[in-house]
Amino acid sequence: MKCSVCGKKIETTFLNKLVGTMMKDKKGKKKAVCSQCQKKHTTTELKEKL
């Protein structure tokens, strides 16, 4: 999967789980966000960018 904010490929663990998180946008759709974008931005900033 790719990050919805920066577009980079998100790493997965050996059980195919994302190294990041899933966030809901304004419409309620789930979007993937990488761990680096989580460190750079606050939760409210990420929701605005989605």
C-alpha atoms as a PDB file:
ATOM      1  CA  MET A   1       0.000   0.000   0.000  1.00  0.00           C
ATOM      2  CA  LYS A   2       0.986   3.619  -0.406  1.00  0.00           C
ATOM      3  CA  CYS A   3       0.680   6.448   2.087  1.00  0.00           C
ATOM      4  CA  SER A   4      -2.249   8.762   1.344  1.00  0.00           C
ATOM      5  CA  VAL A   5      -0.265  11.836   2.444  1.00  0.00           C
ATOM      6  CA  CYS A   6       3.229  11.452   0.961  1.00  0.00           C
ATOM      7  CA  GLY A   7       2.724   8.635  -1.566  1.00  0.00           C
ATOM      8  CA  LYS A   8       5.603   6.451  -0.329  1.00  0.00           C
ATOM      9  CA  LYS A   9       5.231   2.690  -0.072  1.00  0.00           C
ATOM     10  CA  ILE A  10       4.316   1.588   3.473  1.00  0.00           C
ATOM     11  CA  GLU A  11       6.357  -1.282   4.889  1.00  0.00           C
ATOM     12  CA  THR A  12       4.619  -4.436   6.128  1.00  0.00           C
ATOM     13  CA  THR A  13       5.546  -6.990   8.782  1.00  0.00           C
ATOM     14  CA  PHE A  14       5.948 -10.693   8.072  1.00  0.00           C
ATOM     15  CA  LEU A  15       2.235 -11.153   8.812  1.00  0.00           C
ATOM     16  CA  ASN A  16       1.349  -8.486   6.181  1.00  0.00           C
ATOM     17  CA  LYS A  17       0.343  -5.877   8.760  1.00  0.00           C
ATOM     18  CA  LEU A  18       1.056  -2.215   8.006  1.00  0.00           C
ATOM     19  CA  VAL A  19       3.846  -0.331   9.785  1.00  0.00           C
ATOM     20  CA  GLY A  20       1.609   2.717  10.188  1.00  0.00           C
ATOM     21  CA  THR A  21      -2.075   3.246  10.745  1.00  0.00           C
ATOM     22  CA  MET A  22      -5.410   3.527   8.996  1.00  0.00           C
ATOM     23  CA  MET A  23      -7.293   6.827   9.372  1.00  0.00           C
ATOM     24  CA  LYS A  24     -10.750   7.847   8.225  1.00  0.00           C
ATOM     25  CA  ASP A  25     -11.165  10.866   5.966  1.00  0.00           C
ATOM     26  CA  LYS A  26     -14.086  13.310   6.027  1.00  0.00           C
ATOM     27  CA  LYS A  27     -16.268  10.954   3.980  1.00  0.00           C
ATOM     28  CA  GLY A  28     -15.550   7.995   6.279  1.00  0.00           C
ATOM     29  CA  LYS A  29     -13.258   6.080   3.910  1.00  0.00           C
ATOM     30  CA  LYS A  30     -10.179   4.440   5.418  1.00  0.00           C
ATOM     31  CA  LYS A  31      -6.801   5.747   4.249  1.00  0.00           C
ATOM     32  CA  ALA A  32      -3.322   4.406   5.047  1.00  0.00           C
ATOM     33  CA  VAL A  33      -0.785   6.731   6.697  1.00  0.00           C
ATOM     34  CA  CYS A  34       2.885   5.835   7.176  1.00  0.00           C
ATOM     35  CA  SER A  35       4.682   6.164  10.504  1.00  0.00           C
ATOM     36  CA  GLN A  36       6.909   9.015   9.245  1.00  0.00           C
ATOM     37  CA  CYS A  37       3.890  11.173   8.356  1.00  0.00           C
ATOM     38  CA  GLN A  38       2.426  10.452  11.805  1.00  0.00           C
ATOM     39  CA  LYS A  39       5.612  11.818  13.403  1.00  0.00           C
ATOM     40  CA  LYS A  40       5.668  14.968  11.249  1.00  0.00           C
ATOM     41  CA  HIS A  41       2.002  15.990  11.523  1.00  0.00           C
ATOM     42  CA  THR A  42      -0.625  16.138  14.258  1.00  0.00           C
ATOM     43  CA  THR A  43      -3.855  14.167  13.979  1.00  0.00           C
ATOM     44  CA  THR A  44      -5.921  17.211  12.965  1.00  0.00           C
ATOM     45  CA  GLU A  45      -3.415  18.153  10.232  1.00  0.00           C
ATOM     46  CA  LEU A  46      -3.540  14.611   8.828  1.00  0.00           C
ATOM     47  CA  LYS A  47      -7.336  14.570   8.723  1.00  0.00           C
ATOM     48  CA  GLU A  48      -7.329  17.851   6.778  1.00  0.00           C
ATOM     49  CA  LYS A  49      -4.828  16.461   4.223  1.00  0.00           C
ATOM     50  CA  LEU A  50      -6.862  13.312   3.614  1.00  0.00           C
END
